[in-house]
Structures are given as structure tokens and as C-alpha cells.
Amino acid sequence: MDEAERKLNWYGLLLLIPALAFLGALAMDLTYAVTQNGAWFGIAGWLIALGLVGGVLAALPGLDYFVHTVPRTTSAASKLATAHMALSVAVLVLFGLNLALRQYGASTAWARWLAVYLTVFGNLEMGVSLVLALRLRAYHRSARKSRLHVTMSPYDRVRPRK
């Protein structure tokens, strides 16, 4: 196992924290929408906070992989990694706004429904980001299986490993 794959493994493990927390928040918000019990809305807020902390923790090895491993060209890996990073940051910003709305506007009905909507939309966006992450991992594994090493040169050359 090379260094890039080790970074991807840590990133994949840490990515489970925000993914599961945000999915749990979606389940709690949908339960709130059906029952109108504010406790579910509060639990969803705590899960969003956990997801934000987990997202920042997952971003550390993800950013390290992006900066040191992904070639800086218009290659497929570079496009996938850039799109995944942009979507992941957007998901964290969206859920950060969602948490702020829950903390400072939870007393009004429209703010609660907007927070539920943001949770649904954020989970859809996170799903797209996770698909891109899986495609990037598959790209990395196929390059490794074919015994090719993707260099970080500006010309995105591919050379056999020694």
C-alpha cells in the first residue's frame, strides 16, 4: 500500500462521520416534519454539529491527498478531485448555515422548515460528492493495478513504476 492509498483510506474512514451524521439529521428532520415534535429538530441540530466536526476532520487527509497526489492538469483525476473538493466545501458551508439557522431562528416556523429543506438539499449534494469520491478512488485503484504511476508533473505524464 503506497502513501496515496493510505491517505485515501484515512479519508474514506473519516468521511463516514459526516456522511452518517448528516443522514441521521435527515432522518430526524423527516421525523420532525411528520410528528411536529421539536425534540427531533433538536437532535438533528446536534447531528449536524457532529457532521461539521467530522467533515473538518475528514478534510485534513482529503486536502493533503488533493495537494500532494492529484496532478495539476486537466486529467480525469484532477477534474474529479476538484469537483469533489468543491462540493464537499459547499456541503459543509450549507450545513454550517443550517446549524446557524437552527440556533438563531428556531423559534419561527419558516426557519424550521427552511432548515429541514436545507438538510434535504445538503444530503442530495453530499450524495453527489460521495459518488465523485468513489469514482476518484476507482481511478486511483485502476492506475495502481495497471502498475502505472501518475506523476505530478505539469504535463500529466504517466510512467511505469520501478
N, C-alpha and C. Protein backbone atom coordinates (compact mmCIF):
# COMPACT_ATOMS: atom_id res chain seq x y z
N MET A 1 0.85 -1.18 0.00
CA MET A 1 0.00 0.00 0.00
C MET A 1 0.89 1.24 0.00
N ASP A 2 0.69 2.10 -0.98
CA ASP A 2 1.51 3.30 -1.06
C ASP A 2 0.90 4.43 -0.23
N GLU A 3 1.62 5.53 -0.17
CA GLU A 3 1.22 6.67 0.67
C GLU A 3 -0.12 7.27 0.22
N ALA A 4 -0.32 7.37 -1.09
CA ALA A 4 -1.56 7.96 -1.60
C ALA A 4 -2.76 7.10 -1.21
N GLU A 5 -2.61 5.79 -1.28
CA GLU A 5 -3.71 4.91 -0.91
C GLU A 5 -3.98 4.97 0.59
N ARG A 6 -2.93 5.13 1.39
CA ARG A 6 -3.11 5.27 2.83
C ARG A 6 -3.90 6.54 3.15
N LYS A 7 -3.60 7.63 2.44
CA LYS A 7 -4.34 8.88 2.64
C LYS A 7 -5.80 8.69 2.26
N LEU A 8 -6.04 7.99 1.15
CA LEU A 8 -7.41 7.74 0.72
C LEU A 8 -8.15 6.87 1.73
N ASN A 9 -7.47 5.91 2.33
CA ASN A 9 -8.11 5.06 3.33
C ASN A 9 -8.53 5.86 4.54
N TRP A 10 -7.64 6.73 5.05
CA TRP A 10 -8.00 7.57 6.19
C TRP A 10 -9.13 8.51 5.84
N TYR A 11 -9.06 9.07 4.65
CA TYR A 11 -10.10 9.98 4.21
C TYR A 11 -11.44 9.25 4.14
N GLY A 12 -11.43 8.04 3.58
CA GLY A 12 -12.66 7.26 3.48
C GLY A 12 -13.26 6.92 4.83
N LEU A 13 -12.40 6.58 5.79
CA LEU A 13 -12.89 6.27 7.13
C LEU A 13 -13.46 7.51 7.81
N LEU A 14 -12.75 8.61 7.72
CA LEU A 14 -13.22 9.84 8.37
C LEU A 14 -14.44 10.42 7.68
N LEU A 15 -14.59 10.13 6.40
CA LEU A 15 -15.74 10.63 5.65
C LEU A 15 -17.05 9.99 6.13
N LEU A 16 -16.96 8.84 6.76
CA LEU A 16 -18.16 8.19 7.30
C LEU A 16 -18.81 9.01 8.41
N ILE A 17 -18.02 9.75 9.17
CA ILE A 17 -18.58 10.52 10.29
C ILE A 17 -19.58 11.56 9.79
N PRO A 18 -19.18 12.48 8.89
CA PRO A 18 -20.18 13.45 8.44
C PRO A 18 -21.29 12.82 7.60
N ALA A 19 -20.96 11.81 6.81
CA ALA A 19 -21.99 11.20 5.97
C ALA A 19 -23.10 10.60 6.84
N LEU A 20 -22.72 9.83 7.84
CA LEU A 20 -23.72 9.21 8.70
C LEU A 20 -24.43 10.23 9.59
N ALA A 21 -23.71 11.24 10.05
CA ALA A 21 -24.34 12.27 10.88
C ALA A 21 -25.34 13.08 10.07
N PHE A 22 -24.99 13.44 8.85
CA PHE A 22 -25.92 14.22 8.02
C PHE A 22 -27.12 13.37 7.59
N LEU A 23 -26.91 12.08 7.33
CA LEU A 23 -28.04 11.20 7.03
C LEU A 23 -28.94 11.03 8.25
N GLY A 24 -28.32 10.94 9.42
CA GLY A 24 -29.11 10.88 10.65
C GLY A 24 -29.91 12.15 10.87
N ALA A 25 -29.31 13.30 10.55
CA ALA A 25 -30.02 14.57 10.67
C ALA A 25 -31.21 14.61 9.70
N LEU A 26 -31.01 14.04 8.51
CA LEU A 26 -32.12 13.97 7.56
C LEU A 26 -33.26 13.12 8.12
N ALA A 27 -32.92 11.98 8.69
CA ALA A 27 -33.95 11.12 9.29
C ALA A 27 -34.68 11.84 10.43
N MET A 28 -33.93 12.56 11.27
CA MET A 28 -34.55 13.28 12.39
C MET A 28 -35.43 14.43 11.88
N ASP A 29 -34.98 15.13 10.83
CA ASP A 29 -35.79 16.22 10.28
C ASP A 29 -37.06 15.71 9.61
N LEU A 30 -36.95 14.57 8.94
CA LEU A 30 -38.16 13.99 8.33
C LEU A 30 -39.13 13.52 9.41
N THR A 31 -38.58 12.99 10.51
CA THR A 31 -39.43 12.61 11.64
C THR A 31 -40.09 13.84 12.24
N TYR A 32 -39.33 14.93 12.34
CA TYR A 32 -39.91 16.19 12.83
C TYR A 32 -41.03 16.67 11.91
N ALA A 33 -40.81 16.56 10.59
CA ALA A 33 -41.82 17.01 9.64
C ALA A 33 -43.12 16.22 9.78
N VAL A 34 -43.01 14.96 10.13
CA VAL A 34 -44.21 14.13 10.27
C VAL A 34 -44.87 14.33 11.64
N THR A 35 -44.08 14.38 12.71
CA THR A 35 -44.64 14.41 14.06
C THR A 35 -44.80 15.81 14.65
N GLN A 36 -44.07 16.80 14.12
CA GLN A 36 -44.06 18.16 14.66
C GLN A 36 -43.55 18.22 16.10
N ASN A 37 -42.77 17.20 16.49
CA ASN A 37 -42.17 17.16 17.82
C ASN A 37 -40.81 17.83 17.73
N GLY A 38 -40.62 18.93 18.45
CA GLY A 38 -39.41 19.72 18.38
C GLY A 38 -38.15 19.00 18.85
N ALA A 39 -38.31 17.92 19.60
CA ALA A 39 -37.14 17.16 20.07
C ALA A 39 -36.36 16.60 18.89
N TRP A 40 -37.08 16.14 17.86
CA TRP A 40 -36.40 15.60 16.67
C TRP A 40 -35.61 16.69 15.95
N PHE A 41 -36.16 17.88 15.93
CA PHE A 41 -35.48 19.02 15.32
C PHE A 41 -34.19 19.32 16.08
N GLY A 42 -34.22 19.24 17.40
CA GLY A 42 -33.04 19.47 18.23
C GLY A 42 -31.98 18.39 18.04
N ILE A 43 -32.42 17.14 17.96
CA ILE A 43 -31.47 16.04 17.74
C ILE A 43 -30.78 16.21 16.38
N ALA A 44 -31.56 16.64 15.37
CA ALA A 44 -30.97 16.87 14.05
C ALA A 44 -29.90 17.95 14.12
N GLY A 45 -30.12 18.98 14.93
CA GLY A 45 -29.11 20.03 15.10
C GLY A 45 -27.81 19.50 15.68
N TRP A 46 -27.92 18.62 16.68
CA TRP A 46 -26.72 18.02 17.27
C TRP A 46 -26.00 17.13 16.26
N LEU A 47 -26.77 16.40 15.46
CA LEU A 47 -26.14 15.55 14.44
C LEU A 47 -25.44 16.39 13.36
N ILE A 48 -26.02 17.53 13.04
CA ILE A 48 -25.38 18.42 12.07
C ILE A 48 -24.07 18.96 12.65
N ALA A 49 -24.08 19.32 13.93
CA ALA A 49 -22.84 19.80 14.57
C ALA A 49 -21.77 18.70 14.55
N LEU A 50 -22.16 17.47 14.85
CA LEU A 50 -21.23 16.34 14.79
C LEU A 50 -20.71 16.16 13.37
N GLY A 51 -21.60 16.26 12.39
CA GLY A 51 -21.19 16.13 10.99
C GLY A 51 -20.22 17.21 10.55
N LEU A 52 -20.41 18.42 11.04
CA LEU A 52 -19.48 19.50 10.69
C LEU A 52 -18.09 19.26 11.27
N VAL A 53 -18.04 18.81 12.51
CA VAL A 53 -16.74 18.49 13.11
C VAL A 53 -16.08 17.33 12.35
N GLY A 54 -16.86 16.30 12.05
CA GLY A 54 -16.33 15.17 11.28
C GLY A 54 -15.90 15.57 9.88
N GLY A 55 -16.63 16.50 9.27
CA GLY A 55 -16.27 16.98 7.94
C GLY A 55 -14.95 17.71 7.93
N VAL A 56 -14.71 18.51 8.96
CA VAL A 56 -13.42 19.21 9.05
C VAL A 56 -12.30 18.20 9.28
N LEU A 57 -12.55 17.20 10.14
CA LEU A 57 -11.53 16.15 10.36
C LEU A 57 -11.25 15.37 9.08
N ALA A 58 -12.29 15.08 8.31
CA ALA A 58 -12.11 14.35 7.05
C ALA A 58 -11.41 15.21 6.00
N ALA A 59 -11.58 16.50 6.10
CA ALA A 59 -10.96 17.39 5.11
C ALA A 59 -9.43 17.41 5.23
N LEU A 60 -8.90 17.12 6.39
CA LEU A 60 -7.44 17.18 6.57
C LEU A 60 -6.71 16.18 5.68
N PRO A 61 -6.99 14.87 5.76
CA PRO A 61 -6.31 13.96 4.84
C PRO A 61 -6.77 14.14 3.39
N GLY A 62 -8.01 14.58 3.20
CA GLY A 62 -8.50 14.83 1.85
C GLY A 62 -7.75 15.96 1.18
N LEU A 63 -7.51 17.02 1.91
CA LEU A 63 -6.76 18.16 1.36
C LEU A 63 -5.31 17.77 1.12
N ASP A 64 -4.74 16.98 2.02
CA ASP A 64 -3.37 16.51 1.84
C ASP A 64 -3.26 15.67 0.57
N TYR A 65 -4.23 14.78 0.36
CA TYR A 65 -4.25 13.97 -0.87
C TYR A 65 -4.38 14.87 -2.09
N PHE A 66 -5.27 15.85 -2.02
CA PHE A 66 -5.51 16.74 -3.15
C PHE A 66 -4.26 17.55 -3.50
N VAL A 67 -3.58 18.05 -2.50
CA VAL A 67 -2.42 18.91 -2.74
C VAL A 67 -1.20 18.11 -3.20
N HIS A 68 -0.95 16.95 -2.59
CA HIS A 68 0.29 16.24 -2.85
C HIS A 68 0.20 15.09 -3.85
N THR A 69 -0.98 14.61 -4.18
CA THR A 69 -1.08 13.42 -5.02
C THR A 69 -1.75 13.68 -6.36
N VAL A 70 -2.78 14.50 -6.37
CA VAL A 70 -3.54 14.73 -7.60
C VAL A 70 -2.73 15.61 -8.54
N PRO A 71 -2.58 15.19 -9.81
CA PRO A 71 -1.83 16.01 -10.77
C PRO A 71 -2.55 17.33 -11.05
N ARG A 72 -1.80 18.38 -11.27
CA ARG A 72 -2.35 19.72 -11.53
C ARG A 72 -2.55 19.95 -13.02
N THR A 73 -3.39 19.18 -13.63
CA THR A 73 -3.67 19.34 -15.06
C THR A 73 -5.16 19.15 -15.27
N THR A 74 -5.53 18.98 -16.51
CA THR A 74 -6.93 18.74 -16.82
C THR A 74 -7.22 17.25 -16.94
N SER A 75 -6.49 16.43 -16.22
CA SER A 75 -6.70 14.98 -16.26
C SER A 75 -8.03 14.63 -15.58
N ALA A 76 -8.46 13.41 -15.78
CA ALA A 76 -9.71 12.95 -15.17
C ALA A 76 -9.61 12.98 -13.66
N ALA A 77 -8.48 12.57 -13.11
CA ALA A 77 -8.31 12.57 -11.65
C ALA A 77 -8.37 13.97 -11.09
N SER A 78 -7.75 14.91 -11.78
CA SER A 78 -7.75 16.29 -11.32
C SER A 78 -9.16 16.88 -11.34
N LYS A 79 -9.90 16.60 -12.40
CA LYS A 79 -11.27 17.12 -12.50
C LYS A 79 -12.17 16.52 -11.44
N LEU A 80 -12.05 15.21 -11.24
CA LEU A 80 -12.85 14.55 -10.21
C LEU A 80 -12.52 15.08 -8.82
N ALA A 81 -11.23 15.20 -8.53
CA ALA A 81 -10.82 15.66 -7.20
C ALA A 81 -11.25 17.10 -6.95
N THR A 82 -11.14 17.95 -7.96
CA THR A 82 -11.54 19.35 -7.80
C THR A 82 -13.05 19.47 -7.60
N ALA A 83 -13.82 18.73 -8.40
CA ALA A 83 -15.28 18.77 -8.25
C ALA A 83 -15.70 18.22 -6.89
N HIS A 84 -15.07 17.14 -6.45
CA HIS A 84 -15.40 16.56 -5.14
C HIS A 84 -15.05 17.53 -4.01
N MET A 85 -13.88 18.17 -4.11
CA MET A 85 -13.49 19.12 -3.07
C MET A 85 -14.45 20.31 -3.02
N ALA A 86 -14.81 20.85 -4.18
CA ALA A 86 -15.73 21.99 -4.21
C ALA A 86 -17.09 21.63 -3.65
N LEU A 87 -17.60 20.46 -4.01
CA LEU A 87 -18.89 20.03 -3.47
C LEU A 87 -18.82 19.76 -1.98
N SER A 88 -17.73 19.19 -1.52
CA SER A 88 -17.58 18.91 -0.09
C SER A 88 -17.55 20.20 0.72
N VAL A 89 -16.84 21.20 0.23
CA VAL A 89 -16.81 22.50 0.91
C VAL A 89 -18.20 23.12 0.90
N ALA A 90 -18.89 23.01 -0.24
CA ALA A 90 -20.25 23.55 -0.33
C ALA A 90 -21.19 22.86 0.65
N VAL A 91 -21.04 21.55 0.81
CA VAL A 91 -21.87 20.80 1.77
C VAL A 91 -21.61 21.30 3.19
N LEU A 92 -20.34 21.49 3.55
CA LEU A 92 -20.02 21.96 4.89
C LEU A 92 -20.55 23.38 5.12
N VAL A 93 -20.45 24.24 4.12
CA VAL A 93 -20.98 25.60 4.25
C VAL A 93 -22.50 25.56 4.40
N LEU A 94 -23.16 24.74 3.59
CA LEU A 94 -24.61 24.63 3.66
C LEU A 94 -25.07 24.13 5.02
N PHE A 95 -24.41 23.10 5.54
CA PHE A 95 -24.81 22.59 6.85
C PHE A 95 -24.40 23.56 7.97
N GLY A 96 -23.34 24.33 7.77
CA GLY A 96 -23.00 25.37 8.73
C GLY A 96 -24.08 26.44 8.80
N LEU A 97 -24.59 26.86 7.64
CA LEU A 97 -25.71 27.81 7.61
C LEU A 97 -26.96 27.19 8.22
N ASN A 98 -27.16 25.92 7.97
CA ASN A 98 -28.30 25.20 8.54
C ASN A 98 -28.22 25.22 10.06
N LEU A 99 -27.04 24.95 10.60
CA LEU A 99 -26.88 24.94 12.06
C LEU A 99 -27.10 26.34 12.63
N ALA A 100 -26.57 27.36 11.95
CA ALA A 100 -26.79 28.74 12.42
C ALA A 100 -28.27 29.09 12.40
N LEU A 101 -28.96 28.68 11.37
CA LEU A 101 -30.40 28.93 11.28
C LEU A 101 -31.14 28.23 12.41
N ARG A 102 -30.72 27.04 12.74
CA ARG A 102 -31.35 26.30 13.84
C ARG A 102 -31.10 26.99 15.18
N GLN A 103 -29.90 27.54 15.35
CA GLN A 103 -29.56 28.16 16.64
C GLN A 103 -30.23 29.52 16.83
N TYR A 104 -30.32 30.30 15.74
CA TYR A 104 -30.76 31.69 15.89
C TYR A 104 -32.15 31.96 15.34
N GLY A 105 -32.75 31.01 14.63
CA GLY A 105 -34.07 31.26 14.09
C GLY A 105 -35.05 30.14 14.35
N ALA A 106 -34.74 29.28 15.29
CA ALA A 106 -35.56 28.09 15.52
C ALA A 106 -36.92 28.41 16.13
N SER A 107 -37.12 29.64 16.58
CA SER A 107 -38.40 29.96 17.21
C SER A 107 -39.50 30.24 16.19
N THR A 108 -39.14 30.47 14.94
CA THR A 108 -40.15 30.74 13.92
C THR A 108 -40.37 29.50 13.05
N ALA A 109 -41.59 29.34 12.59
CA ALA A 109 -41.95 28.15 11.81
C ALA A 109 -41.24 28.13 10.46
N TRP A 110 -41.11 29.29 9.80
CA TRP A 110 -40.48 29.29 8.48
C TRP A 110 -39.01 28.91 8.58
N ALA A 111 -38.35 29.31 9.66
CA ALA A 111 -36.93 28.98 9.83
C ALA A 111 -36.76 27.48 10.04
N ARG A 112 -37.67 26.88 10.77
CA ARG A 112 -37.59 25.43 10.98
C ARG A 112 -37.77 24.68 9.66
N TRP A 113 -38.74 25.11 8.86
CA TRP A 113 -38.97 24.43 7.58
C TRP A 113 -37.83 24.68 6.61
N LEU A 114 -37.26 25.87 6.65
CA LEU A 114 -36.10 26.14 5.80
C LEU A 114 -34.92 25.26 6.21
N ALA A 115 -34.74 25.07 7.51
CA ALA A 115 -33.67 24.20 8.00
C ALA A 115 -33.89 22.76 7.54
N VAL A 116 -35.13 22.29 7.56
CA VAL A 116 -35.43 20.93 7.08
C VAL A 116 -35.12 20.84 5.59
N TYR A 117 -35.52 21.85 4.83
CA TYR A 117 -35.23 21.86 3.39
C TYR A 117 -33.72 21.85 3.14
N LEU A 118 -32.98 22.65 3.89
CA LEU A 118 -31.52 22.68 3.72
C LEU A 118 -30.90 21.33 4.04
N THR A 119 -31.45 20.62 5.00
CA THR A 119 -30.94 19.28 5.32
C THR A 119 -31.17 18.32 4.15
N VAL A 120 -32.36 18.38 3.56
CA VAL A 120 -32.65 17.51 2.41
C VAL A 120 -31.73 17.86 1.25
N PHE A 121 -31.61 19.14 0.92
CA PHE A 121 -30.76 19.56 -0.19
C PHE A 121 -29.29 19.24 0.08
N GLY A 122 -28.84 19.46 1.31
CA GLY A 122 -27.45 19.17 1.66
C GLY A 122 -27.12 17.69 1.53
N ASN A 123 -28.07 16.83 1.87
CA ASN A 123 -27.83 15.39 1.73
C ASN A 123 -27.78 14.97 0.26
N LEU A 124 -28.61 15.60 -0.57
CA LEU A 124 -28.53 15.32 -2.01
C LEU A 124 -27.18 15.74 -2.58
N GLU A 125 -26.73 16.92 -2.17
CA GLU A 125 -25.43 17.42 -2.61
C GLU A 125 -24.30 16.52 -2.09
N MET A 126 -24.42 16.06 -0.86
CA MET A 126 -23.42 15.18 -0.30
C MET A 126 -23.38 13.85 -1.06
N GLY A 127 -24.52 13.36 -1.49
CA GLY A 127 -24.57 12.13 -2.27
C GLY A 127 -23.80 12.26 -3.57
N VAL A 128 -23.94 13.38 -4.25
CA VAL A 128 -23.19 13.61 -5.49
C VAL A 128 -21.70 13.66 -5.19
N SER A 129 -21.34 14.33 -4.10
CA SER A 129 -19.93 14.42 -3.72
C SER A 129 -19.35 13.05 -3.38
N LEU A 130 -20.13 12.21 -2.73
CA LEU A 130 -19.65 10.86 -2.39
C LEU A 130 -19.48 10.00 -3.64
N VAL A 131 -20.36 10.17 -4.62
CA VAL A 131 -20.20 9.44 -5.89
C VAL A 131 -18.89 9.85 -6.57
N LEU A 132 -18.60 11.15 -6.55
CA LEU A 132 -17.33 11.62 -7.13
C LEU A 132 -16.14 11.06 -6.37
N ALA A 133 -16.25 10.96 -5.04
CA ALA A 133 -15.16 10.39 -4.25
C ALA A 133 -14.93 8.92 -4.60
N LEU A 134 -16.01 8.18 -4.79
CA LEU A 134 -15.88 6.78 -5.17
C LEU A 134 -15.27 6.63 -6.56
N ARG A 135 -15.64 7.51 -7.47
CA ARG A 135 -15.05 7.47 -8.81
C ARG A 135 -13.55 7.80 -8.76
N LEU A 136 -13.18 8.75 -7.90
CA LEU A 136 -11.76 9.09 -7.76
C LEU A 136 -10.99 7.92 -7.18
N ARG A 137 -11.57 7.24 -6.22
CA ARG A 137 -10.90 6.07 -5.64
C ARG A 137 -10.75 4.96 -6.68
N ALA A 138 -11.78 4.75 -7.48
CA ALA A 138 -11.69 3.74 -8.55
C ALA A 138 -10.63 4.12 -9.57
N TYR A 139 -10.52 5.40 -9.87
CA TYR A 139 -9.49 5.87 -10.81
C TYR A 139 -8.10 5.60 -10.24
N HIS A 140 -7.92 5.88 -8.96
CA HIS A 140 -6.63 5.67 -8.31
C HIS A 140 -6.28 4.17 -8.30
N ARG A 141 -7.26 3.34 -7.98
CA ARG A 141 -7.00 1.89 -7.94
C ARG A 141 -6.70 1.34 -9.32
N SER A 142 -7.39 1.83 -10.37
CA SER A 142 -7.12 1.30 -11.71
C SER A 142 -5.73 1.71 -12.18
N ALA A 143 -5.29 2.91 -11.81
CA ALA A 143 -3.93 3.33 -12.16
C ALA A 143 -2.92 2.48 -11.40
N ARG A 144 -3.23 2.12 -10.18
CA ARG A 144 -2.31 1.30 -9.39
C ARG A 144 -2.27 -0.14 -9.91
N LYS A 145 -3.44 -0.67 -10.28
CA LYS A 145 -3.48 -2.05 -10.77
C LYS A 145 -2.75 -2.21 -12.09
N SER A 146 -2.80 -1.19 -12.91
CA SER A 146 -2.11 -1.30 -14.20
C SER A 146 -0.62 -1.00 -14.06
N ARG A 147 -0.18 -0.86 -12.79
CA ARG A 147 1.23 -0.62 -12.47
C ARG A 147 1.73 0.69 -13.07
N LEU A 148 0.84 1.63 -13.22
CA LEU A 148 1.23 2.95 -13.70
C LEU A 148 1.25 3.91 -12.53
N HIS A 149 2.12 4.86 -12.62
CA HIS A 149 2.24 5.86 -11.58
C HIS A 149 1.92 7.22 -12.19
N VAL A 150 0.90 7.87 -11.67
CA VAL A 150 0.55 9.19 -12.17
C VAL A 150 1.46 10.20 -11.49
N THR A 151 2.22 10.91 -12.28
CA THR A 151 3.15 11.88 -11.71
C THR A 151 2.45 13.21 -11.49
N MET A 152 3.13 14.09 -10.79
CA MET A 152 2.58 15.41 -10.54
C MET A 152 3.21 16.45 -11.45
N SER A 153 3.71 16.02 -12.58
CA SER A 153 4.34 16.98 -13.50
C SER A 153 3.27 17.83 -14.15
N PRO A 154 3.64 18.99 -14.65
CA PRO A 154 2.64 19.85 -15.29
C PRO A 154 2.11 19.25 -16.59
N TYR A 155 2.74 18.23 -17.12
CA TYR A 155 2.29 17.62 -18.37
C TYR A 155 1.48 16.36 -18.15
N ASP A 156 1.24 15.98 -16.88
CA ASP A 156 0.45 14.82 -16.53
C ASP A 156 0.92 13.56 -17.24
N ARG A 157 2.22 13.33 -17.20
CA ARG A 157 2.76 12.13 -17.82
C ARG A 157 2.46 10.91 -16.96
N VAL A 158 2.38 9.80 -17.61
CA VAL A 158 2.20 8.54 -16.91
C VAL A 158 3.40 7.68 -17.21
N ARG A 159 4.03 7.18 -16.15
CA ARG A 159 5.23 6.36 -16.36
C ARG A 159 5.12 5.09 -15.53
N PRO A 160 5.74 4.01 -15.98
CA PRO A 160 5.68 2.76 -15.22
C PRO A 160 6.43 2.89 -13.91
N ARG A 161 5.96 2.16 -12.91
CA ARG A 161 6.67 2.14 -11.62
C ARG A 161 7.92 1.29 -11.75
N LYS A 162 8.88 1.60 -10.88
CA LYS A 162 10.12 0.83 -10.87
C LYS A 162 10.05 -0.24 -9.83
